[in-house]
């Protein structure tokens, strides 16, 4: 049976995000027996996780998950729920604050969808993030760019204390050197032994 991994994109992106395409190409060359799933996640944070679960409902449980930015927020939840390894790239911590800073109408240029973030969105997502614990330490590897211009990497570094944290010196939010990380990310996810 073919193994699958899932890539979860960030805010205002799509399943065809640059990092998803890079990772898919890497896997096809290096691990041809591994399929990368990369769904379009609902832009509404209150519906996003349900859209991920809906996408996966008729599929085998993935062997691991990669998530970037807001996708990292969802990847953490999915890894915990399915008890699979997760790689988080500059993950959102305190999603309610991120949404609160972006209230108003947005257009996802990758999908063309127009949507609005409201105070109700903030209230609905508040509390979705539970406290960091042993499950995170066991399942997650976290990559943080020290020059992230969107998120404070130190906030994530503190939140994920005890996890396998890899600081990417001089790296930005987009993780422009992502391609060089693909071998170690794949090795981590595919070689993970769940205890």
C-alpha atoms as a PDB file:
ATOM      1  CA  UNK A   1       0.000   0.000   0.000  1.00  0.00           C
ATOM      2  CA  UNK A   2       1.268   3.449  -0.959  1.00  0.00           C
ATOM      3  CA  UNK A   3       2.135   5.745   1.957  1.00  0.00           C
ATOM      4  CA  UNK A   4       0.664   9.209   2.027  1.00  0.00           C
ATOM      5  CA  UNK A   5       1.762  12.463   3.583  1.00  0.00           C
ATOM      6  CA  UNK A   6      -0.361  15.595   3.777  1.00  0.00           C
ATOM      7  CA  UNK A   7       0.763  19.203   3.340  1.00  0.00           C
ATOM      8  CA  UNK A   8      -1.374  21.954   4.880  1.00  0.00           C
ATOM      9  CA  UNK A   9      -0.910  25.435   3.428  1.00  0.00           C
ATOM     10  CA  UNK A  10      -1.009  28.753   5.222  1.00  0.00           C
ATOM     11  CA  UNK A  11      -3.418  31.691   5.252  1.00  0.00           C
ATOM     12  CA  UNK A  12      -4.378  33.096   1.822  1.00  0.00           C
ATOM     13  CA  UNK A  13      -2.736  30.189   0.014  1.00  0.00           C
ATOM     14  CA  UNK A  14      -3.902  26.945  -1.604  1.00  0.00           C
ATOM     15  CA  UNK A  15      -3.099  23.297  -2.016  1.00  0.00           C
ATOM     16  CA  UNK A  16      -0.821  24.331  -4.879  1.00  0.00           C
ATOM     17  CA  UNK A  17       1.408  26.383  -2.569  1.00  0.00           C
ATOM     18  CA  UNK A  18       5.048  26.654  -3.606  1.00  0.00           C
ATOM     19  CA  UNK A  19       6.291  24.492  -0.715  1.00  0.00           C
ATOM     20  CA  UNK A  20       3.679  21.819  -1.476  1.00  0.00           C
ATOM     21  CA  UNK A  21       4.849  21.688  -5.101  1.00  0.00           C
ATOM     22  CA  UNK A  22       8.516  21.555  -4.086  1.00  0.00           C
ATOM     23  CA  UNK A  23       7.854  18.756  -1.583  1.00  0.00           C
ATOM     24  CA  UNK A  24       5.705  16.794  -4.059  1.00  0.00           C
ATOM     25  CA  UNK A  25       8.472  17.009  -6.688  1.00  0.00           C
ATOM     26  CA  UNK A  26      11.092  15.918  -4.134  1.00  0.00           C
ATOM     27  CA  UNK A  27       8.971  12.953  -3.051  1.00  0.00           C
ATOM     28  CA  UNK A  28       8.275  11.848  -6.627  1.00  0.00           C
ATOM     29  CA  UNK A  29      12.028  11.716  -7.334  1.00  0.00           C
ATOM     30  CA  UNK A  30      13.192  10.257  -4.027  1.00  0.00           C
ATOM     31  CA  UNK A  31      10.224   8.331  -2.613  1.00  0.00           C
ATOM     32  CA  UNK A  32       8.086   7.372  -5.623  1.00  0.00           C
ATOM     33  CA  UNK A  33       5.940   5.120  -3.422  1.00  0.00           C
ATOM     34  CA  UNK A  34       4.817   8.109  -1.314  1.00  0.00           C
ATOM     35  CA  UNK A  35       1.898  10.311  -2.343  1.00  0.00           C
ATOM     36  CA  UNK A  36       1.575  13.899  -1.120  1.00  0.00           C
ATOM     37  CA  UNK A  37      -1.951  15.145  -0.509  1.00  0.00           C
ATOM     38  CA  UNK A  38      -2.377  18.911  -0.419  1.00  0.00           C
ATOM     39  CA  UNK A  39      -5.977  20.083  -0.080  1.00  0.00           C
ATOM     40  CA  UNK A  40      -7.338  23.591  -0.414  1.00  0.00           C
ATOM     41  CA  UNK A  41      -8.205  24.486   3.166  1.00  0.00           C
ATOM     42  CA  UNK A  42     -11.316  26.583   3.804  1.00  0.00           C
ATOM     43  CA  UNK A  43     -10.322  30.241   4.265  1.00  0.00           C
ATOM     44  CA  UNK A  44     -12.675  30.643   7.222  1.00  0.00           C
ATOM     45  CA  UNK A  45     -10.677  29.555  10.294  1.00  0.00           C
ATOM     46  CA  UNK A  46     -13.899  28.288  11.885  1.00  0.00           C
ATOM     47  CA  UNK A  47     -14.373  25.841   8.987  1.00  0.00           C
ATOM     48  CA  UNK A  48     -10.736  25.116   8.123  1.00  0.00           C
ATOM     49  CA  UNK A  49     -10.109  22.080  10.323  1.00  0.00           C
ATOM     50  CA  UNK A  50     -13.439  20.530   9.335  1.00  0.00           C
ATOM     51  CA  UNK A  51     -12.493  20.986   5.663  1.00  0.00           C
ATOM     52  CA  UNK A  52      -9.228  19.097   6.301  1.00  0.00           C
ATOM     53  CA  UNK A  53     -11.061  16.278   8.082  1.00  0.00           C
ATOM     54  CA  UNK A  54     -13.657  16.159   5.294  1.00  0.00           C
ATOM     55  CA  UNK A  55     -10.883  15.912   2.677  1.00  0.00           C
ATOM     56  CA  UNK A  56      -9.360  12.945   4.556  1.00  0.00           C
ATOM     57  CA  UNK A  57     -12.584  11.065   5.347  1.00  0.00           C
ATOM     58  CA  UNK A  58     -12.363   8.582   2.447  1.00  0.00           C
ATOM     59  CA  UNK A  59      -8.585   8.233   2.541  1.00  0.00           C
ATOM     60  CA  UNK A  60      -6.155   6.107   4.519  1.00  0.00           C
ATOM     61  CA  UNK A  61      -4.627   7.788   7.543  1.00  0.00           C
ATOM     62  CA  UNK A  62      -1.582   9.730   6.359  1.00  0.00           C
ATOM     63  CA  UNK A  63       1.844   8.684   7.658  1.00  0.00           C
ATOM     64  CA  UNK A  64       2.658  12.271   8.565  1.00  0.00           C
ATOM     65  CA  UNK A  65       1.703  15.906   8.138  1.00  0.00           C
ATOM     66  CA  UNK A  66       3.569  19.079   7.168  1.00  0.00           C
ATOM     67  CA  UNK A  67       2.042  22.471   7.804  1.00  0.00           C
ATOM     68  CA  UNK A  68       3.246  25.983   7.101  1.00  0.00           C
ATOM     69  CA  UNK A  69       2.141  29.057   9.073  1.00  0.00           C
ATOM     70  CA  UNK A  70      -1.621  28.704   9.695  1.00  0.00           C
ATOM     71  CA  UNK A  71      -1.268  25.253   8.136  1.00  0.00           C
ATOM     72  CA  UNK A  72       1.173  24.513  10.965  1.00  0.00           C
ATOM     73  CA  UNK A  73      -1.570  25.338  13.442  1.00  0.00           C
ATOM     74  CA  UNK A  74      -3.869  22.812  11.752  1.00  0.00           C
ATOM     75  CA  UNK A  75      -1.039  20.282  11.281  1.00  0.00           C
ATOM     76  CA  UNK A  76      -0.431  20.244  15.025  1.00  0.00           C
ATOM     77  CA  UNK A  77      -4.107  19.477  15.648  1.00  0.00           C
ATOM     78  CA  UNK A  78      -4.133  16.744  13.009  1.00  0.00           C
ATOM     79  CA  UNK A  79      -0.915  15.134  14.259  1.00  0.00           C
ATOM     80  CA  UNK A  80      -2.317  15.029  17.783  1.00  0.00           C
ATOM     81  CA  UNK A  81      -5.696  13.662  16.710  1.00  0.00           C
ATOM     82  CA  UNK A  82      -4.322  10.973  14.378  1.00  0.00           C
ATOM     83  CA  UNK A  83      -1.216  10.266  16.470  1.00  0.00           C
ATOM     84  CA  UNK A  84       1.099  10.817  13.505  1.00  0.00           C
ATOM     85  CA  UNK A  85       4.337  12.799  13.212  1.00  0.00           C
ATOM     86  CA  UNK A  86       4.106  16.426  12.195  1.00  0.00           C
ATOM     87  CA  UNK A  87       6.508  18.988  10.813  1.00  0.00           C
ATOM     88  CA  UNK A  88       5.564  22.591  11.467  1.00  0.00           C
ATOM     89  CA  UNK A  89       7.139  25.411   9.455  1.00  0.00           C
ATOM     90  CA  UNK A  90       6.863  28.802  11.171  1.00  0.00           C
ATOM     91  CA  UNK A  91       3.590  27.687  12.780  1.00  0.00           C
ATOM     92  CA  UNK A  92       0.937  30.069  14.032  1.00  0.00           C
ATOM     93  CA  UNK A  93       0.721  30.146  17.807  1.00  0.00           C
ATOM     94  CA  UNK A  94      -2.284  31.962  19.293  1.00  0.00           C
ATOM     95  CA  UNK A  95      -4.419  31.839  16.172  1.00  0.00           C
ATOM     96  CA  UNK A  96      -6.998  34.109  17.793  1.00  0.00           C
ATOM     97  CA  UNK A  97      -4.460  36.945  17.890  1.00  0.00           C
ATOM     98  CA  UNK A  98      -3.496  36.398  14.271  1.00  0.00           C
ATOM     99  CA  UNK A  99      -7.144  36.523  13.174  1.00  0.00           C
ATOM    100  CA  UNK A 100      -7.801  39.582  15.346  1.00  0.00           C
ATOM    101  CA  UNK A 101      -4.951  41.424  13.597  1.00  0.00           C
ATOM    102  CA  UNK A 102      -6.539  40.648  10.228  1.00  0.00           C
ATOM    103  CA  UNK A 103     -10.211  41.526  10.756  1.00  0.00           C
ATOM    104  CA  UNK A 104     -12.081  42.543   7.631  1.00  0.00           C
ATOM    105  CA  UNK A 105     -12.501  41.366   4.080  1.00  0.00           C
ATOM    106  CA  UNK A 106      -9.806  39.372   2.303  1.00  0.00           C
ATOM    107  CA  UNK A 107      -9.375  37.809  -1.103  1.00  0.00           C
ATOM    108  CA  UNK A 108      -7.363  34.643  -1.470  1.00  0.00           C
ATOM    109  CA  UNK A 109      -5.556  35.368  -4.742  1.00  0.00           C
ATOM    110  CA  UNK A 110      -4.667  31.667  -5.085  1.00  0.00           C
ATOM    111  CA  UNK A 111      -8.323  30.583  -5.122  1.00  0.00           C
ATOM    112  CA  UNK A 112     -10.229  33.802  -5.896  1.00  0.00           C
ATOM    113  CA  UNK A 113     -12.397  33.375  -2.806  1.00  0.00           C
ATOM    114  CA  UNK A 114     -13.483  36.521  -0.949  1.00  0.00           C
ATOM    115  CA  UNK A 115     -14.219  36.128   2.753  1.00  0.00           C
ATOM    116  CA  UNK A 116     -14.476  38.199   5.927  1.00  0.00           C
ATOM    117  CA  UNK A 117     -12.859  37.725   9.319  1.00  0.00           C
ATOM    118  CA  UNK A 118     -15.006  39.111  12.130  1.00  0.00           C
ATOM    119  CA  UNK A 119     -14.986  39.344  15.905  1.00  0.00           C
ATOM    120  CA  UNK A 120     -17.131  36.186  15.839  1.00  0.00           C
ATOM    121  CA  UNK A 121     -14.303  34.433  13.989  1.00  0.00           C
ATOM    122  CA  UNK A 122     -11.880  35.506  16.718  1.00  0.00           C
ATOM    123  CA  UNK A 123     -14.240  34.327  19.463  1.00  0.00           C
ATOM    124  CA  UNK A 124     -14.828  31.016  17.682  1.00  0.00           C
ATOM    125  CA  UNK A 125     -11.164  30.182  17.272  1.00  0.00           C
ATOM    126  CA  UNK A 126     -10.161  31.307  20.757  1.00  0.00           C
ATOM    127  CA  UNK A 127      -9.575  28.201  22.814  1.00  0.00           C
ATOM    128  CA  UNK A 128      -9.021  25.950  19.780  1.00  0.00           C
ATOM    129  CA  UNK A 129      -5.378  25.802  20.749  1.00  0.00           C
ATOM    130  CA  UNK A 130      -4.760  23.630  23.757  1.00  0.00           C
ATOM    131  CA  UNK A 131      -1.655  23.676  25.881  1.00  0.00           C
ATOM    132  CA  UNK A 132       1.577  22.136  24.729  1.00  0.00           C
ATOM    133  CA  UNK A 133       2.253  18.722  26.285  1.00  0.00           C
ATOM    134  CA  UNK A 134       4.126  15.413  25.967  1.00  0.00           C
ATOM    135  CA  UNK A 135       2.194  14.474  22.823  1.00  0.00           C
ATOM    136  CA  UNK A 136       3.658  17.502  21.026  1.00  0.00           C
ATOM    137  CA  UNK A 137       7.136  16.633  22.274  1.00  0.00           C
ATOM    138  CA  UNK A 138       6.768  13.078  20.959  1.00  0.00           C
ATOM    139  CA  UNK A 139       5.173  13.889  17.592  1.00  0.00           C
ATOM    140  CA  UNK A 140       6.390  17.267  16.391  1.00  0.00           C
ATOM    141  CA  UNK A 141       9.435  18.770  14.734  1.00  0.00           C
ATOM    142  CA  UNK A 142       9.265  22.561  14.457  1.00  0.00           C
ATOM    143  CA  UNK A 143      11.248  24.733  12.027  1.00  0.00           C
ATOM    144  CA  UNK A 144      11.438  28.434  12.884  1.00  0.00           C
ATOM    145  CA  UNK A 145      12.920  31.161  10.701  1.00  0.00           C
ATOM    146  CA  UNK A 146      14.766  33.692  12.836  1.00  0.00           C
ATOM    147  CA  UNK A 147      13.949  36.483  10.358  1.00  0.00           C
ATOM    148  CA  UNK A 148      10.231  35.652  10.101  1.00  0.00           C
ATOM    149  CA  UNK A 149       8.596  38.968   9.221  1.00  0.00           C
ATOM    150  CA  UNK A 150       5.031  37.707   9.833  1.00  0.00           C
ATOM    151  CA  UNK A 151       5.189  35.729  13.086  1.00  0.00           C
ATOM    152  CA  UNK A 152       7.393  36.077  16.165  1.00  0.00           C
ATOM    153  CA  UNK A 153       9.514  32.944  16.107  1.00  0.00           C
ATOM    154  CA  UNK A 154      10.338  33.376  19.808  1.00  0.00           C
ATOM    155  CA  UNK A 155       6.659  32.965  20.707  1.00  0.00           C
ATOM    156  CA  UNK A 156       6.585  29.602  18.896  1.00  0.00           C
ATOM    157  CA  UNK A 157       9.964  28.644  20.343  1.00  0.00           C
ATOM    158  CA  UNK A 158       8.591  29.188  23.850  1.00  0.00           C
ATOM    159  CA  UNK A 159       5.279  27.467  23.128  1.00  0.00           C
ATOM    160  CA  UNK A 160       6.949  24.367  21.670  1.00  0.00           C
ATOM    161  CA  UNK A 161       9.694  24.103  24.299  1.00  0.00           C
ATOM    162  CA  UNK A 162      10.829  20.488  24.591  1.00  0.00           C
ATOM    163  CA  UNK A 163       9.954  19.651  20.972  1.00  0.00           C
ATOM    164  CA  UNK A 164      12.573  19.049  18.319  1.00  0.00           C
ATOM    165  CA  UNK A 165      13.003  22.707  17.315  1.00  0.00           C
ATOM    166  CA  UNK A 166      15.214  23.619  14.374  1.00  0.00           C
ATOM    167  CA  UNK A 167      16.111  27.304  14.181  1.00  0.00           C
ATOM    168  CA  UNK A 168      16.691  28.444  10.614  1.00  0.00           C
ATOM    169  CA  UNK A 169      19.102  31.339  11.011  1.00  0.00           C
ATOM    170  CA  UNK A 170      18.301  34.220   8.663  1.00  0.00           C
ATOM    171  CA  UNK A 171      15.269  32.419   7.190  1.00  0.00           C
ATOM    172  CA  UNK A 172      12.035  34.339   6.544  1.00  0.00           C
ATOM    173  CA  UNK A 173       8.384  33.353   6.910  1.00  0.00           C
ATOM    174  CA  UNK A 174       8.297  31.861   3.412  1.00  0.00           C
ATOM    175  CA  UNK A 175      11.206  29.497   4.193  1.00  0.00           C
ATOM    176  CA  UNK A 176      12.944  30.206   0.895  1.00  0.00           C
ATOM    177  CA  UNK A 177      15.431  27.396   1.593  1.00  0.00           C
ATOM    178  CA  UNK A 178      12.644  24.834   1.942  1.00  0.00           C
ATOM    179  CA  UNK A 179      13.965  22.604  -0.825  1.00  0.00           C
ATOM    180  CA  UNK A 180      17.134  21.895   1.164  1.00  0.00           C
ATOM    181  CA  UNK A 181      14.978  20.784   4.118  1.00  0.00           C
ATOM    182  CA  UNK A 182      12.933  18.249   2.125  1.00  0.00           C
ATOM    183  CA  UNK A 183      15.284  15.272   2.694  1.00  0.00           C
ATOM    184  CA  UNK A 184      15.298  15.626   6.486  1.00  0.00           C
ATOM    185  CA  UNK A 185      11.566  16.345   6.632  1.00  0.00           C
ATOM    186  CA  UNK A 186      10.740  13.240   4.589  1.00  0.00           C
ATOM    187  CA  UNK A 187      13.157  11.128   6.607  1.00  0.00           C
ATOM    188  CA  UNK A 188      11.585  12.319   9.862  1.00  0.00           C
ATOM    189  CA  UNK A 189       7.994  11.702   8.741  1.00  0.00           C
ATOM    190  CA  UNK A 190       8.597   8.388   6.969  1.00  0.00           C
ATOM    191  CA  UNK A 191      11.043   7.004   9.517  1.00  0.00           C
ATOM    192  CA  UNK A 192       8.975   7.931  12.565  1.00  0.00           C
ATOM    193  CA  UNK A 193       8.433   5.132  15.030  1.00  0.00           C
ATOM    194  CA  UNK A 194       5.357   5.673  17.137  1.00  0.00           C
ATOM    195  CA  UNK A 195       5.925   4.498  20.668  1.00  0.00           C
END
